[in-house]
Every structure is written in structure tokens, then in C-alpha cells.
Amino acid sequence: MTIKCIAIDDEPLALKQISAYIEKTPFLECVAFCNSAFDAMDFLANNDVDLMFVDINMPDLNGMDFVKSLSKKPQIIFTTAYSEYAMEGFQVDAIDYILKPISYAIFLKSATKAKTWFELNHKETETIQATQDSLFVKSEYKMVRIFFSEIKYIESSNEYIQIHLINDEPVTTLIRLKVMEEQLPKDKFMRVHRSFIVNLDKIKVIERNRIVFDGSVYIPVGEQYKETFQAFVDKTFLV
């Protein structure tokens, strides 16, 4: 498996070193290098990330407070020169806490620990079978058939997704949103945000760049998805 990660550090040399280590590690894919927690926030608003390498001692907003501020956290490996933050780091469920200066051997050991965690926690993500008009997913120890026509939208929630249906309770399953996206008919479903896929046939109201379901559920359209979604709107709606 490939783990999508970002590195966050305000020190250019430290960021360059982590960047080189990530590129050297076959199972890691770096999707962004960030000079501050605020840059990382902007990136995470519209992109999926599995793992973050986060420096702690940064100006304005330190790495620890940044991680605590996230409502949906990727997995974390802290990289820092200060050992006193170690206990606090593990209290926010960090996978590892490594001290600078960081050798590649130490980095690789920590990255391998993350890889093992992902393999254990995603071992059921392929439990999905699609047919022409429906799919089967594993939910609460049973296989559940869901017709595409019954789905309103799909929401990512940490390691799980919730499939929101028209006339039934949401179905929760341990599948990554990307895996689900690959199984859905592309002419009927669209990824509109790092955390949401919508059934295009069920869209009736769009308000201020948000999709409204049932008058109370507001699904934002992420920056990187706006162009594709706008093309759908221009084609479908009379304006």
C-alpha cells in the first residue's frame, strides 16, 4: 500500500531532509510540504492525507496545538528537537515521536510503524462488491446490499464512511472514501469534497457553493472539485 503524507516544518533544512527521506521510502507518497501549520490547514481543507510528519516548535501555531485543532486527524508522527513534548504527543494518539537530528534509519523505523498500523486498520477496506445497480458492503458483521438509486451522499468519518440513504438509517462501513469512489458509476456520483461524494441525481438545491439535502444538510464543494462540479451545474441546471 502507498501512504499519502505531508511534512510540516518551519525550518527549511529540516523540511528538505524529511522530504528526501519520504522520497526515498517506497511506501510513502508526499503530496505536500508545508512551512507552517496554517499552510497545512489550507491543504487539508481540500485534500485527503493519511499521515503527517509534524514539527512541534513552530511560530504562531505550534505543531501540537495544530494537531489538537483538527476535527478529522490523519495519523501523526511528530518530529522535534524537544523531548518534553513526548507524553503529550502520545496523548493525541500519535503513531510515533522522533527527535532531531533524525537519521534515515530512525525515520524508516517510524515510517514502518505507520505502515504496520495502516495495514492492520485497513485490512477490511476491500470488503466491497459492486454490481450494475448496487453494491454490497460489510457493516456490523454482515453484508448489506445498497442500491445506487437509494444513496443520497457518502461521508467520510475518520477510518469509516457513512452511506446516507433516502428512506433508511445511514450504513457505516470500514472502507476508504477513495475505494468507494472507484466502485460507483461515474455518471451518477461525484466527489465534491475530501469528505463527501454525492449522488448527482439527488441534487435539488445548491446554495452558496454548497449542496443542500433535506433543507438541513449542507455539503461544501471543495476548492479542487469546484471546476468539475461547476461543469455539471452548467450542463444540468438552467441559470
Protein backbone atom coordinates (compact mmCIF):
# COMPACT_ATOMS: atom_id res chain seq x y z
CA MET A 1 0.00 0.00 0.00
CA THR A 2 1.01 3.64 -0.53
CA ILE A 3 0.61 6.09 2.34
CA LYS A 4 -0.17 9.69 1.32
CA CYS A 5 1.63 12.08 3.63
CA ILE A 6 2.61 15.70 4.19
CA ALA A 7 5.58 17.17 6.03
CA ILE A 8 5.24 20.33 8.15
CA ASP A 9 8.28 22.23 9.44
CA ASP A 10 9.23 25.91 9.54
CA GLU A 11 12.94 25.09 9.24
CA PRO A 12 13.89 24.79 5.52
CA LEU A 13 16.76 22.37 6.12
CA ALA A 14 14.66 20.10 8.33
CA LEU A 15 11.83 20.14 5.78
CA LYS A 16 14.29 19.32 3.00
CA GLN A 17 15.65 16.38 4.98
CA ILE A 18 12.20 14.92 5.70
CA SER A 19 11.30 15.45 2.04
CA ALA A 20 14.34 13.46 0.93
CA TYR A 21 13.55 10.66 3.39
CA ILE A 22 9.94 10.43 2.17
CA GLU A 23 11.03 10.27 -1.48
CA LYS A 24 13.50 7.53 -0.55
CA THR A 25 10.82 5.38 1.12
CA PRO A 26 8.87 3.24 -1.41
CA PHE A 27 5.58 3.01 0.52
CA LEU A 28 5.34 6.77 1.20
CA GLU A 29 3.98 9.38 -1.20
CA CYS A 30 4.42 13.02 -0.26
CA VAL A 31 1.57 15.19 -1.52
CA ALA A 32 2.68 18.46 0.09
CA PHE A 33 5.49 20.16 2.02
CA CYS A 34 4.29 22.92 4.33
CA ASN A 35 6.28 25.70 6.03
CA SER A 36 3.67 26.32 8.72
CA ALA A 37 0.61 24.86 10.39
CA PHE A 38 -1.54 27.38 8.52
CA ASP A 39 -0.26 26.15 5.15
CA ALA A 40 -1.11 22.63 6.25
CA MET A 41 -4.63 23.69 7.28
CA ASP A 42 -5.24 25.17 3.84
CA PHE A 43 -4.05 21.98 2.16
CA LEU A 44 -6.06 19.65 4.39
CA ALA A 45 -9.25 21.61 3.69
CA ASN A 46 -9.38 20.16 0.19
CA ASN A 47 -7.11 17.11 0.14
CA ASP A 48 -7.01 13.63 1.63
CA VAL A 49 -3.95 12.75 3.68
CA ASP A 50 -3.12 9.54 5.54
CA LEU A 51 -0.09 10.62 7.57
CA MET A 52 1.57 13.86 8.69
CA PHE A 53 5.15 14.44 9.81
CA VAL A 54 4.73 17.44 12.10
CA ASP A 55 7.35 19.63 13.76
CA ILE A 56 6.21 20.91 17.17
CA ASN A 57 8.17 24.10 17.78
CA MET A 58 6.78 26.43 15.08
CA PRO A 59 5.87 30.13 15.34
CA ASP A 60 2.28 31.42 15.59
CA LEU A 61 0.73 27.95 15.91
CA ASN A 62 2.86 25.08 17.17
CA GLY A 63 2.50 21.55 15.87
CA MET A 64 0.84 20.17 18.99
CA ASP A 65 -1.90 22.83 19.05
CA PHE A 66 -2.35 22.42 15.30
CA VAL A 67 -2.99 18.68 15.66
CA LYS A 68 -5.40 19.26 18.56
CA SER A 69 -7.36 21.78 16.45
CA LEU A 70 -8.15 19.27 13.69
CA SER A 71 -11.62 17.73 13.76
CA LYS A 72 -10.51 14.95 11.40
CA LYS A 73 -6.95 13.92 12.05
CA PRO A 74 -4.65 11.98 9.75
CA GLN A 75 -2.20 9.79 11.60
CA ILE A 76 0.67 11.76 13.17
CA ILE A 77 4.41 11.34 13.56
CA PHE A 78 5.92 14.24 15.49
CA THR A 79 9.43 15.40 14.56
CA THR A 80 11.03 17.72 17.08
CA ALA A 81 14.19 18.66 18.95
CA TYR A 82 12.34 18.77 22.28
CA SER A 83 11.76 15.57 24.24
CA GLU A 84 9.46 17.19 26.83
CA TYR A 85 6.51 17.03 24.43
CA ALA A 86 6.67 13.25 24.10
CA MET A 87 3.97 12.37 26.65
CA GLU A 88 1.61 15.00 25.23
CA GLY A 89 2.31 13.66 21.75
CA PHE A 90 1.12 10.19 22.63
CA GLN A 91 -1.92 11.62 24.40
CA VAL A 92 -3.15 12.83 20.99
CA ASP A 93 -2.64 9.28 19.64
CA ALA A 94 0.47 9.99 17.60
CA ILE A 95 1.96 6.90 15.98
CA ASP A 96 5.47 7.99 16.90
CA TYR A 97 7.59 10.81 18.28
CA ILE A 98 11.11 11.14 16.87
CA LEU A 99 13.82 13.53 18.00
CA LYS A 100 16.03 15.65 15.76
CA PRO A 101 18.59 15.21 14.37
CA ILE A 102 16.85 12.36 12.53
CA SER A 103 18.80 9.69 10.70
CA TYR A 104 17.18 7.78 7.86
CA ALA A 105 17.31 4.58 9.93
CA ILE A 106 15.22 6.21 12.67
CA PHE A 107 12.87 7.73 10.10
CA LEU A 108 12.39 4.40 8.34
CA LYS A 109 11.66 2.61 11.62
CA SER A 110 8.98 5.18 12.43
CA ALA A 111 7.51 5.10 8.91
CA THR A 112 7.39 1.29 9.03
CA LYS A 113 5.47 1.52 12.30
CA ALA A 114 2.94 3.72 10.50
CA LYS A 115 2.76 1.26 7.59
CA THR A 116 2.02 -1.60 10.01
CA TRP A 117 -0.75 0.46 11.63
CA PHE A 118 -2.36 1.22 8.27
CA GLU A 119 -2.19 -2.40 7.14
CA LEU A 120 -3.89 -3.58 10.34
CA ASN A 121 -6.56 -0.88 10.30
CA HIS A 122 -7.37 -1.07 6.60
CA LYS A 123 -7.41 -4.82 6.19
CA GLU A 124 -11.18 -4.76 5.62
CA THR A 125 -11.25 -1.86 3.19
CA GLU A 126 -11.58 -4.14 0.18
CA THR A 127 -14.77 -5.74 1.57
CA ILE A 128 -16.92 -4.26 -1.15
CA GLN A 129 -18.56 -5.82 -4.19
CA ALA A 130 -20.31 -3.80 -6.90
CA THR A 131 -22.89 -4.91 -9.47
CA GLN A 132 -24.54 -2.95 -12.26
CA ASP A 133 -27.14 -1.32 -10.00
CA SER A 134 -25.92 -1.87 -6.44
CA LEU A 135 -23.06 -2.73 -4.13
CA PHE A 136 -22.51 -4.96 -1.13
CA VAL A 137 -20.60 -3.62 1.87
CA LYS A 138 -19.69 -5.13 5.22
CA SER A 139 -21.45 -3.41 8.11
CA GLU A 140 -21.74 -4.74 11.66
CA TYR A 141 -20.54 -8.24 10.76
CA LYS A 142 -22.95 -8.68 7.85
CA MET A 143 -23.01 -7.91 4.15
CA VAL A 144 -25.56 -5.23 3.21
CA ARG A 145 -26.84 -4.62 -0.31
CA ILE A 146 -27.31 -0.96 -1.22
CA PHE A 147 -28.85 0.14 -4.49
CA PHE A 148 -27.18 3.14 -6.11
CA SER A 149 -30.58 4.78 -6.52
CA GLU A 150 -31.05 4.75 -2.71
CA ILE A 151 -27.89 6.71 -1.94
CA LYS A 152 -28.08 10.47 -1.33
CA TYR A 153 -24.49 11.10 -0.33
CA ILE A 154 -21.49 9.37 1.26
CA GLU A 155 -19.48 10.92 4.08
CA SER A 156 -16.01 10.06 5.30
CA SER A 157 -15.61 9.89 9.08
CA ASN A 158 -12.10 9.05 10.25
CA GLU A 159 -11.44 5.43 9.21
CA TYR A 160 -15.08 4.80 8.30
CA ILE A 161 -17.60 6.07 5.81
CA GLN A 162 -21.32 6.61 6.26
CA ILE A 163 -23.63 5.92 3.32
CA HIS A 164 -26.66 8.18 3.73
CA LEU A 165 -29.81 6.71 2.20
CA ILE A 166 -33.13 8.16 1.08
CA ASN A 167 -35.51 6.26 3.35
CA ASP A 168 -33.31 4.48 5.85
CA GLU A 169 -30.64 4.93 8.51
CA PRO A 170 -27.05 5.53 7.30
CA VAL A 171 -24.91 2.44 6.74
CA THR A 172 -21.47 2.62 8.35
CA THR A 173 -18.61 0.57 6.93
CA LEU A 174 -14.81 0.39 7.16
CA ILE A 175 -13.97 1.47 3.61
CA ARG A 176 -11.84 4.37 2.48
CA LEU A 177 -13.74 7.00 0.54
CA LYS A 178 -11.39 6.59 -2.43
CA VAL A 179 -12.13 2.84 -2.59
CA MET A 180 -15.86 3.56 -2.53
CA GLU A 181 -15.48 6.23 -5.21
CA GLU A 182 -13.85 3.72 -7.54
CA GLN A 183 -16.85 1.38 -7.27
CA LEU A 184 -19.55 3.98 -8.04
CA PRO A 185 -20.92 4.81 -11.52
CA LYS A 186 -19.04 7.93 -12.58
CA ASP A 187 -22.02 9.33 -14.47
CA LYS A 188 -24.16 9.20 -11.31
CA PHE A 189 -21.77 10.08 -8.48
CA MET A 190 -19.20 12.83 -7.97
CA ARG A 191 -16.55 13.56 -5.35
CA VAL A 192 -17.19 17.18 -4.32
CA HIS A 193 -15.03 17.41 -1.19
CA ARG A 194 -12.27 15.44 0.53
CA SER A 195 -15.00 14.03 2.81
CA PHE A 196 -18.06 13.78 0.54
CA ILE A 197 -19.38 12.00 -2.55
CA VAL A 198 -22.87 12.93 -3.77
CA ASN A 199 -25.47 11.22 -5.94
CA LEU A 200 -25.91 13.74 -8.77
CA ASP A 201 -29.48 12.61 -9.42
CA LYS A 202 -30.49 13.60 -5.87
CA ILE A 203 -29.26 17.20 -6.02
CA LYS A 204 -32.17 19.64 -5.97
CA VAL A 205 -30.76 22.70 -4.20
CA ILE A 206 -27.37 24.42 -4.47
CA GLU A 207 -26.79 27.40 -2.21
CA ARG A 208 -23.61 29.46 -1.90
CA ASN A 209 -21.40 26.73 -3.30
CA ARG A 210 -23.00 24.15 -1.03
CA ILE A 211 -25.28 21.24 -1.87
CA VAL A 212 -28.37 21.14 0.33
CA PHE A 213 -30.14 17.89 1.21
CA ASP A 214 -33.44 17.82 3.09
CA GLY A 215 -33.18 21.53 3.84
CA SER A 216 -30.74 20.95 6.69
CA VAL A 217 -27.68 19.06 5.43
CA TYR A 218 -25.12 21.36 3.78
CA ILE A 219 -22.31 19.70 1.84
CA PRO A 220 -19.45 22.04 0.85
CA VAL A 221 -17.81 21.88 -2.56
CA GLY A 222 -14.04 21.76 -2.05
CA GLU A 223 -11.74 24.09 -3.97
CA GLN A 224 -10.12 21.35 -6.06
CA TYR A 225 -13.55 19.98 -7.07
CA LYS A 226 -15.22 23.28 -7.98
CA GLU A 227 -14.38 23.28 -11.68
CA THR A 228 -15.73 19.77 -12.31
CA PHE A 229 -18.83 20.40 -10.24
CA GLN A 230 -19.50 23.72 -11.95
CA ALA A 231 -19.34 21.97 -15.31
CA PHE A 232 -22.06 19.60 -14.08
CA VAL A 233 -24.16 22.54 -12.85
CA ASP A 234 -23.80 24.43 -16.13
CA LYS A 235 -24.86 21.34 -18.05
CA THR A 236 -27.76 20.36 -15.81
CA PHE A 237 -29.33 23.50 -14.34
CA LEU A 238 -30.92 26.42 -16.19
CA VAL A 239 -29.31 29.63 -14.93
